[in-house]
Structures are given as structure tokens and as C-alpha cells.
Amino acid sequence: MTRFNTKPLIVSATLVALISGCATNNTGLTQTGRGAAIGTAAGIAAGALIGSRSGNAGKGALIGAVGGALLGTMVGSYMEKQKQDFERELAPEIGNGVIRVQKLPDYQLLVGMTGTTAFELNSDRIQPSFYSTLDKIAAIVREYGKTQLSVSGHTDSTGSADYNLALSERRAAAVQNYLERGGVLPQRIYSAGFGMNQPIATNANEQGRRLNRRVDIVILPIVENEGV
């Protein structure tokens, strides 16, 4: 498992909390506010994870591992086609509300899952009923190899901060390990846990807590640029 220094994430978590707070009312986030918060939280988490491993040497090694990067003119169509494949293959899961696929800024994609469907309560063991869903995700990710994946685990505020952080790390690692066993190159995947620090809904009721218990996979294009 690839591990990360999470100290730079303090400012990011505060920003997400402010954004989430602006979209929250007594019943939780509105649909529009929830989508914006999910996207913002996921994008910040992904940027922090990938940024912690960035650098020309690291990116150069990654480009070598995946056989080249995308030219800027190709990125949009490449990521849009990938999004369409996710939406088609995961249509049943999306319809049932257990998976969400969302376009993020800078051509990033979010494929998110709820902890209540992927994991048993207080467990980092992926439920066997979710294997087929992760198999679909792994198959698409293998096809679109010129990307890197940021896997982030999140919890609600029930329990201690230390416990939630450790649980979120283990759940993110479990998803990372499953994708690697499914043939995704380890060099492409980064994972970390954020515990209760990046809520996308209120923790005052079960509906909000259920939304906060999640694992997000953000898929970022590997783009060719100068100096690499």
C-alpha cells in the first residue's frame, strides 16, 4: 500500500467543511449542495494525495510504467469516453444509489461508493456482494491506463477521531489492494484515509452519516507537459 503524509491536508479539510456548511440546512445537504460538496471534497483529497507524490522524477517513472502520457488535446475526449463507460457498466449500481459517477474540474472523474454497501459496519472487509462492482471498475481502469487513481476513505463522526482515521485508512487500502489484484498497476494507485475530517453532509442524523461513510476513487489523467 502506498502511504501518505496527511499534514498538508489540514487546510483542505477546513475548506471542505466550510463548503459543506454553506450547503447544509436542518435536514442535511440539498441535492445540488451535496453534489458540489462531494466533488469539492474528492477533488481536494485527490490533489493532496497525488501532490504528495508529485515531481518530475515520479511522474516520469509513472509515464514510463503506463507507456506514455496524454497530449493536452486528447484529454477531454479520453476522460469523457471513460466516464461514459463507467455510466454504462455501472448503470445498475448508479440506479440503486450505491455508486456515483461525477465529472470534476480539470478532467477528473469521481467514482464513489458508500461504506454501508461496500463494507460491513466498523469493518474494513469488502463485502462479497460488492466484488462484481469493483471488478467492473477495475476492468474499465485497466482499459484507460493513462490515468492515476486517488482512493480516499472517509467516515462519519461517530466514535473517536483516531479510530475513524484508522478505519478510513484500512478501507481505502482494501479498495486499493482489490484493484491491484484485479490487474491495475500499483504505480497508478494512491490511497489514504481522512477519517471524519471531510464530511459532505451533516453528522446530526443517520441520513447524513450514511453519506459521510464512503470511499471515493478520483481518476486523474496523466498529461504530458514540459519538463517531464
C-alpha atoms as a PDB file:
ATOM      1  CA  MET A   1       0.000   0.000   0.000  1.00  0.00           C
ATOM      2  CA  THR A   2       1.253   3.485  -0.797  1.00  0.00           C
ATOM      3  CA  ARG A   3       1.200   5.701   2.302  1.00  0.00           C
ATOM      4  CA  PHE A   4       0.989   9.468   2.510  1.00  0.00           C
ATOM      5  CA  ASN A   5       1.894  12.348   4.749  1.00  0.00           C
ATOM      6  CA  THR A   6      -1.501  13.844   5.570  1.00  0.00           C
ATOM      7  CA  LYS A   7      -0.269  17.016   7.317  1.00  0.00           C
ATOM      8  CA  PRO A   8      -0.816  19.230   4.213  1.00  0.00           C
ATOM      9  CA  LEU A   9      -4.487  18.201   4.259  1.00  0.00           C
ATOM     10  CA  ILE A  10      -5.464  20.317   7.279  1.00  0.00           C
ATOM     11  CA  VAL A  11      -6.269  23.406   5.222  1.00  0.00           C
ATOM     12  CA  SER A  12      -8.092  21.299   2.640  1.00  0.00           C
ATOM     13  CA  ALA A  13     -10.300  19.694   5.269  1.00  0.00           C
ATOM     14  CA  THR A  14     -11.196  23.102   6.672  1.00  0.00           C
ATOM     15  CA  LEU A  15     -12.140  24.363   3.225  1.00  0.00           C
ATOM     16  CA  VAL A  16     -14.378  21.371   2.612  1.00  0.00           C
ATOM     17  CA  ALA A  17     -16.072  21.838   5.968  1.00  0.00           C
ATOM     18  CA  LEU A  18     -16.851  25.448   5.079  1.00  0.00           C
ATOM     19  CA  ILE A  19     -18.248  24.484   1.698  1.00  0.00           C
ATOM     20  CA  SER A  20     -20.346  21.728   3.223  1.00  0.00           C
ATOM     21  CA  GLY A  21     -21.627  24.086   5.892  1.00  0.00           C
ATOM     22  CA  CYS A  22     -22.805  26.602   3.328  1.00  0.00           C
ATOM     23  CA  ALA A  23     -24.934  23.954   1.617  1.00  0.00           C
ATOM     24  CA  THR A  24     -26.423  22.437   4.751  1.00  0.00           C
ATOM     25  CA  ASN A  25     -29.803  23.022   6.353  1.00  0.00           C
ATOM     26  CA  ASN A  26     -31.531  21.267   9.257  1.00  0.00           C
ATOM     27  CA  THR A  27     -32.152  18.174   7.168  1.00  0.00           C
ATOM     28  CA  GLY A  28     -28.703  17.983   5.568  1.00  0.00           C
ATOM     29  CA  LEU A  29     -27.343  18.996   2.193  1.00  0.00           C
ATOM     30  CA  THR A  30     -29.581  19.785  -0.716  1.00  0.00           C
ATOM     31  CA  GLN A  31     -29.111  17.611  -3.795  1.00  0.00           C
ATOM     32  CA  THR A  32     -27.195  20.368  -5.574  1.00  0.00           C
ATOM     33  CA  GLY A  33     -25.174  21.226  -2.494  1.00  0.00           C
ATOM     34  CA  ARG A  34     -24.372  17.585  -1.827  1.00  0.00           C
ATOM     35  CA  GLY A  35     -23.081  17.078  -5.366  1.00  0.00           C
ATOM     36  CA  ALA A  36     -20.912  20.171  -5.134  1.00  0.00           C
ATOM     37  CA  ALA A  37     -19.553  19.133  -1.748  1.00  0.00           C
ATOM     38  CA  ILE A  38     -18.791  15.601  -2.915  1.00  0.00           C
ATOM     39  CA  GLY A  39     -16.942  16.927  -5.930  1.00  0.00           C
ATOM     40  CA  THR A  40     -15.025  19.521  -3.955  1.00  0.00           C
ATOM     41  CA  ALA A  41     -14.045  17.109  -1.198  1.00  0.00           C
ATOM     42  CA  ALA A  42     -12.972  14.432  -3.652  1.00  0.00           C
ATOM     43  CA  GLY A  43     -11.016  16.858  -5.803  1.00  0.00           C
ATOM     44  CA  ILE A  44      -9.163  18.307  -2.829  1.00  0.00           C
ATOM     45  CA  ALA A  45      -8.375  14.853  -1.472  1.00  0.00           C
ATOM     46  CA  ALA A  46      -7.113  13.680  -4.850  1.00  0.00           C
ATOM     47  CA  GLY A  47      -4.958  16.745  -5.321  1.00  0.00           C
ATOM     48  CA  ALA A  48      -3.433  16.311  -1.887  1.00  0.00           C
ATOM     49  CA  LEU A  49      -2.703  12.627  -2.414  1.00  0.00           C
ATOM     50  CA  ILE A  50      -1.202  12.988  -5.871  1.00  0.00           C
ATOM     51  CA  GLY A  51       0.572  16.189  -4.892  1.00  0.00           C
ATOM     52  CA  SER A  52       2.302  14.431  -2.018  1.00  0.00           C
ATOM     53  CA  ARG A  53       3.928  12.122  -4.562  1.00  0.00           C
ATOM     54  CA  SER A  54       4.466  14.654  -7.345  1.00  0.00           C
ATOM     55  CA  GLY A  55       7.686  15.700  -9.004  1.00  0.00           C
ATOM     56  CA  ASN A  56       9.239  15.261 -12.411  1.00  0.00           C
ATOM     57  CA  ALA A  57      11.079  12.089 -11.437  1.00  0.00           C
ATOM     58  CA  GLY A  58       7.967  10.457 -10.026  1.00  0.00           C
ATOM     59  CA  LYS A  59       5.795  11.497 -12.925  1.00  0.00           C
ATOM     60  CA  GLY A  60       8.409  10.379 -15.408  1.00  0.00           C
ATOM     61  CA  ALA A  61       8.503   6.926 -13.837  1.00  0.00           C
ATOM     62  CA  LEU A  62       4.716   6.741 -13.929  1.00  0.00           C
ATOM     63  CA  ILE A  63       4.603   7.747 -17.595  1.00  0.00           C
ATOM     64  CA  GLY A  64       7.133   5.035 -18.330  1.00  0.00           C
ATOM     65  CA  ALA A  65       5.048   2.470 -16.470  1.00  0.00           C
ATOM     66  CA  VAL A  66       1.859   3.262 -18.411  1.00  0.00           C
ATOM     67  CA  GLY A  67       3.567   3.655 -21.787  1.00  0.00           C
ATOM     68  CA  GLY A  68       3.256   7.383 -22.327  1.00  0.00           C
ATOM     69  CA  ALA A  69       1.089  10.313 -21.308  1.00  0.00           C
ATOM     70  CA  LEU A  70      -1.878  12.007 -22.927  1.00  0.00           C
ATOM     71  CA  LEU A  71      -1.417  15.052 -25.128  1.00  0.00           C
ATOM     72  CA  GLY A  72      -3.441  18.012 -23.964  1.00  0.00           C
ATOM     73  CA  THR A  73      -5.759  17.869 -26.968  1.00  0.00           C
ATOM     74  CA  MET A  74      -6.665  14.250 -26.213  1.00  0.00           C
ATOM     75  CA  VAL A  75      -7.500  14.581 -22.537  1.00  0.00           C
ATOM     76  CA  GLY A  76     -11.092  15.774 -22.803  1.00  0.00           C
ATOM     77  CA  SER A  77     -12.315  13.072 -25.170  1.00  0.00           C
ATOM     78  CA  TYR A  78     -10.323  10.356 -23.354  1.00  0.00           C
ATOM     79  CA  MET A  79     -11.844  11.150 -19.980  1.00  0.00           C
ATOM     80  CA  GLU A  80     -15.346  11.694 -21.372  1.00  0.00           C
ATOM     81  CA  LYS A  81     -15.316   8.293 -23.047  1.00  0.00           C
ATOM     82  CA  GLN A  82     -14.139   6.738 -19.797  1.00  0.00           C
ATOM     83  CA  LYS A  83     -16.992   8.448 -17.913  1.00  0.00           C
ATOM     84  CA  GLN A  84     -19.491   7.072 -20.427  1.00  0.00           C
ATOM     85  CA  ASP A  85     -18.093   3.568 -19.968  1.00  0.00           C
ATOM     86  CA  PHE A  86     -18.438   3.848 -16.192  1.00  0.00           C
ATOM     87  CA  GLU A  87     -22.010   5.082 -16.533  1.00  0.00           C
ATOM     88  CA  ARG A  88     -22.914   2.247 -18.880  1.00  0.00           C
ATOM     89  CA  GLU A  89     -21.243  -0.594 -16.986  1.00  0.00           C
ATOM     90  CA  LEU A  90     -22.293   0.654 -13.553  1.00  0.00           C
ATOM     91  CA  ALA A  91     -25.832   1.647 -14.534  1.00  0.00           C
ATOM     92  CA  PRO A  92     -27.489  -0.817 -12.090  1.00  0.00           C
ATOM     93  CA  GLU A  93     -25.353   0.384  -9.176  1.00  0.00           C
ATOM     94  CA  ILE A  94     -25.911   4.030 -10.073  1.00  0.00           C
ATOM     95  CA  GLY A  95     -29.642   3.415 -10.299  1.00  0.00           C
ATOM     96  CA  ASN A  96     -29.642   1.788  -6.857  1.00  0.00           C
ATOM     97  CA  GLY A  97     -27.677   4.666  -5.338  1.00  0.00           C
ATOM     98  CA  VAL A  98     -24.667   2.605  -4.273  1.00  0.00           C
ATOM     99  CA  ILE A  99     -22.271   4.151  -6.807  1.00  0.00           C
ATOM    100  CA  ARG A 100     -21.994   7.704  -8.089  1.00  0.00           C
ATOM    101  CA  VAL A 101     -20.051   8.830 -11.148  1.00  0.00           C
ATOM    102  CA  GLN A 102     -19.349  12.535 -11.351  1.00  0.00           C
ATOM    103  CA  LYS A 103     -17.257  14.788 -13.570  1.00  0.00           C
ATOM    104  CA  LEU A 104     -14.854  17.009 -11.622  1.00  0.00           C
ATOM    105  CA  PRO A 105     -12.799  20.030 -12.715  1.00  0.00           C
ATOM    106  CA  ASP A 106      -9.577  19.541 -14.687  1.00  0.00           C
ATOM    107  CA  TYR A 107     -10.948  16.459 -16.464  1.00  0.00           C
ATOM    108  CA  GLN A 108     -11.025  14.400 -13.277  1.00  0.00           C
ATOM    109  CA  LEU A 109     -13.654  11.725 -12.646  1.00  0.00           C
ATOM    110  CA  LEU A 110     -15.153  10.638  -9.348  1.00  0.00           C
ATOM    111  CA  VAL A 111     -16.332   7.073  -8.835  1.00  0.00           C
ATOM    112  CA  GLY A 112     -17.657   6.935  -5.288  1.00  0.00           C
ATOM    113  CA  MET A 113     -19.135   4.220  -3.118  1.00  0.00           C
ATOM    114  CA  THR A 114     -20.891   4.248   0.234  1.00  0.00           C
ATOM    115  CA  GLY A 115     -19.311   2.446   3.154  1.00  0.00           C
ATOM    116  CA  THR A 116     -22.674   0.933   4.061  1.00  0.00           C
ATOM    117  CA  THR A 117     -22.783  -1.011   0.796  1.00  0.00           C
ATOM    118  CA  ALA A 118     -19.100  -1.796   0.280  1.00  0.00           C
ATOM    119  CA  PHE A 119     -18.248  -2.663   3.899  1.00  0.00           C
ATOM    120  CA  GLU A 120     -19.884  -4.135   6.953  1.00  0.00           C
ATOM    121  CA  LEU A 121     -20.281  -1.807   9.931  1.00  0.00           C
ATOM    122  CA  ASN A 122     -16.922  -0.995  11.578  1.00  0.00           C
ATOM    123  CA  SER A 123     -15.156  -3.392   9.206  1.00  0.00           C
ATOM    124  CA  ASP A 124     -12.512  -2.970   6.526  1.00  0.00           C
ATOM    125  CA  ARG A 125     -13.532  -6.220   4.817  1.00  0.00           C
ATOM    126  CA  ILE A 126     -15.150  -5.603   1.443  1.00  0.00           C
ATOM    127  CA  GLN A 127     -18.482  -7.364   1.286  1.00  0.00           C
ATOM    128  CA  PRO A 128     -18.502 -10.220  -1.269  1.00  0.00           C
ATOM    129  CA  SER A 129     -21.680  -8.797  -2.793  1.00  0.00           C
ATOM    130  CA  PHE A 130     -19.608  -5.774  -3.863  1.00  0.00           C
ATOM    131  CA  TYR A 131     -16.899  -7.753  -5.668  1.00  0.00           C
ATOM    132  CA  SER A 132     -18.673  -7.630  -9.025  1.00  0.00           C
ATOM    133  CA  THR A 133     -18.922  -3.842  -8.813  1.00  0.00           C
ATOM    134  CA  LEU A 134     -15.218  -3.466  -8.085  1.00  0.00           C
ATOM    135  CA  ASP A 135     -14.464  -5.934 -10.877  1.00  0.00           C
ATOM    136  CA  LYS A 136     -16.290  -3.628 -13.302  1.00  0.00           C
ATOM    137  CA  ILE A 137     -14.344  -0.625 -12.040  1.00  0.00           C
ATOM    138  CA  ALA A 138     -11.028  -2.477 -12.342  1.00  0.00           C
ATOM    139  CA  ALA A 139     -11.810  -3.574 -15.903  1.00  0.00           C
ATOM    140  CA  ILE A 140     -12.508  -0.021 -17.049  1.00  0.00           C
ATOM    141  CA  VAL A 141      -9.498   1.378 -15.220  1.00  0.00           C
ATOM    142  CA  ARG A 142      -7.272  -1.202 -16.921  1.00  0.00           C
ATOM    143  CA  GLU A 143      -8.605  -0.136 -20.316  1.00  0.00           C
ATOM    144  CA  TYR A 144      -7.847   3.520 -19.650  1.00  0.00           C
ATOM    145  CA  GLY A 145      -4.286   3.098 -18.482  1.00  0.00           C
ATOM    146  CA  LYS A 146      -3.113   6.693 -18.909  1.00  0.00           C
ATOM    147  CA  THR A 147      -4.629   7.735 -15.600  1.00  0.00           C
ATOM    148  CA  GLN A 148      -3.768   7.630 -11.915  1.00  0.00           C
ATOM    149  CA  LEU A 149      -6.174   6.814  -9.109  1.00  0.00           C
ATOM    150  CA  SER A 150      -6.598   8.548  -5.768  1.00  0.00           C
ATOM    151  CA  VAL A 151      -8.515   6.327  -3.321  1.00  0.00           C
ATOM    152  CA  SER A 152      -9.702   8.103  -0.186  1.00  0.00           C
ATOM    153  CA  GLY A 153     -11.570   6.656   2.793  1.00  0.00           C
ATOM    154  CA  HIS A 154     -13.990   8.722   4.903  1.00  0.00           C
ATOM    155  CA  THR A 155     -16.161   8.124   7.985  1.00  0.00           C
ATOM    156  CA  ASP A 156     -18.902   9.844   9.936  1.00  0.00           C
ATOM    157  CA  SER A 157     -18.205  11.471  13.302  1.00  0.00           C
ATOM    158  CA  THR A 158     -19.367   8.535  15.435  1.00  0.00           C
ATOM    159  CA  GLY A 159     -16.514   7.244  17.579  1.00  0.00           C
ATOM    160  CA  SER A 160     -13.078   8.697  18.271  1.00  0.00           C
ATOM    161  CA  ALA A 161     -11.033  10.584  15.713  1.00  0.00           C
ATOM    162  CA  ASP A 162      -8.168   8.096  15.955  1.00  0.00           C
ATOM    163  CA  TYR A 163     -10.443   5.106  15.431  1.00  0.00           C
ATOM    164  CA  ASN A 164     -12.161   6.710  12.434  1.00  0.00           C
ATOM    165  CA  LEU A 165      -8.880   7.708  10.831  1.00  0.00           C
ATOM    166  CA  ALA A 166      -7.512   4.174  11.129  1.00  0.00           C
ATOM    167  CA  LEU A 167     -10.753   2.657   9.801  1.00  0.00           C
ATOM    168  CA  SER A 168     -10.821   5.007   6.811  1.00  0.00           C
ATOM    169  CA  GLU A 169      -7.188   4.185   6.009  1.00  0.00           C
ATOM    170  CA  ARG A 170      -7.882   0.445   6.118  1.00  0.00           C
ATOM    171  CA  ARG A 171     -10.938   0.760   3.904  1.00  0.00           C
ATOM    172  CA  ALA A 172      -9.096   2.837   1.322  1.00  0.00           C
ATOM    173  CA  ALA A 173      -6.249   0.294   1.386  1.00  0.00           C
ATOM    174  CA  ALA A 174      -8.720  -2.564   0.936  1.00  0.00           C
ATOM    175  CA  VAL A 175     -10.091  -0.967  -2.234  1.00  0.00           C
ATOM    176  CA  GLN A 176      -6.586  -0.237  -3.493  1.00  0.00           C
ATOM    177  CA  ASN A 177      -5.481  -3.818  -2.881  1.00  0.00           C
ATOM    178  CA  TYR A 178      -8.570  -5.225  -4.585  1.00  0.00           C
ATOM    179  CA  LEU A 179      -7.947  -3.110  -7.699  1.00  0.00           C
ATOM    180  CA  GLU A 180      -4.306  -4.157  -7.779  1.00  0.00           C
ATOM    181  CA  ARG A 181      -5.316  -7.821  -7.545  1.00  0.00           C
ATOM    182  CA  GLY A 182      -7.668  -7.061 -10.430  1.00  0.00           C
ATOM    183  CA  GLY A 183      -4.747  -6.110 -12.636  1.00  0.00           C
ATOM    184  CA  VAL A 184      -4.424  -2.343 -12.091  1.00  0.00           C
ATOM    185  CA  LEU A 185      -0.766  -1.280 -11.932  1.00  0.00           C
ATOM    186  CA  PRO A 186       0.237  -0.450  -8.336  1.00  0.00           C
ATOM    187  CA  GLN A 187       2.187   2.575  -9.603  1.00  0.00           C
ATOM    188  CA  ARG A 188      -1.098   4.159 -10.662  1.00  0.00           C
ATOM    189  CA  ILE A 189      -2.892   3.946  -7.300  1.00  0.00           C
ATOM    190  CA  TYR A 190      -2.530   6.097  -4.206  1.00  0.00           C
ATOM    191  CA  SER A 191      -4.642   5.683  -1.080  1.00  0.00           C
ATOM    192  CA  ALA A 192      -5.158   7.398   2.253  1.00  0.00           C
ATOM    193  CA  GLY A 193      -7.776   7.825   4.950  1.00  0.00           C
ATOM    194  CA  PHE A 194      -9.286  11.108   6.092  1.00  0.00           C
ATOM    195  CA  GLY A 195     -11.429   9.840   8.949  1.00  0.00           C
ATOM    196  CA  MET A 196     -14.207  12.282   9.854  1.00  0.00           C
ATOM    197  CA  ASN A 197     -12.353  15.350   8.527  1.00  0.00           C
ATOM    198  CA  GLN A 198     -14.074  15.735   5.134  1.00  0.00           C
ATOM    199  CA  PRO A 199     -17.843  15.421   5.653  1.00  0.00           C
ATOM    200  CA  ILE A 200     -20.153  16.025   2.712  1.00  0.00           C
ATOM    201  CA  ALA A 201     -23.317  16.124   4.850  1.00  0.00           C
ATOM    202  CA  THR A 202     -24.425  16.740   8.399  1.00  0.00           C
ATOM    203  CA  ASN A 203     -23.478  14.187  11.039  1.00  0.00           C
ATOM    204  CA  ALA A 204     -26.551  15.104  13.085  1.00  0.00           C
ATOM    205  CA  ASN A 205     -28.750  12.388  11.545  1.00  0.00           C
ATOM    206  CA  GLU A 206     -28.353   8.908  10.067  1.00  0.00           C
ATOM    207  CA  GLN A 207     -29.013  10.054   6.513  1.00  0.00           C
ATOM    208  CA  GLY A 208     -26.082  12.453   6.669  1.00  0.00           C
ATOM    209  CA  ARG A 209     -23.824   9.988   8.449  1.00  0.00           C
ATOM    210  CA  ARG A 210     -24.544   7.398   5.776  1.00  0.00           C
ATOM    211  CA  LEU A 211     -23.384   9.845   3.082  1.00  0.00           C
ATOM    212  CA  ASN A 212     -20.215  10.611   5.009  1.00  0.00           C
ATOM    213  CA  ARG A 213     -19.257   6.918   5.312  1.00  0.00           C
ATOM    214  CA  ARG A 214     -17.735   6.457   1.879  1.00  0.00           C
ATOM    215  CA  VAL A 215     -14.732   5.569  -0.268  1.00  0.00           C
ATOM    216  CA  ASP A 216     -14.026   7.874  -3.204  1.00  0.00           C
ATOM    217  CA  ILE A 217     -11.942   6.968  -6.245  1.00  0.00           C
ATOM    218  CA  VAL A 218     -10.829  10.018  -8.190  1.00  0.00           C
ATOM    219  CA  ILE A 219      -9.336   9.277 -11.598  1.00  0.00           C
ATOM    220  CA  LEU A 220      -6.876  11.820 -12.957  1.00  0.00           C
ATOM    221  CA  PRO A 221      -5.410  11.902 -16.484  1.00  0.00           C
ATOM    222  CA  ILE A 222      -1.653  11.617 -16.875  1.00  0.00           C
ATOM    223  CA  VAL A 223      -0.910  14.588 -19.108  1.00  0.00           C
ATOM    224  CA  GLU A 224       2.301  15.281 -20.968  1.00  0.00           C
ATOM    225  CA  ASN A 225       3.859  18.635 -20.187  1.00  0.00           C
ATOM    226  CA  GLU A 226       7.164  20.398 -20.361  1.00  0.00           C
ATOM    227  CA  GLY A 227       9.931  19.306 -18.034  1.00  0.00           C
ATOM    228  CA  VAL A 228       8.835  15.654 -17.816  1.00  0.00           C
END
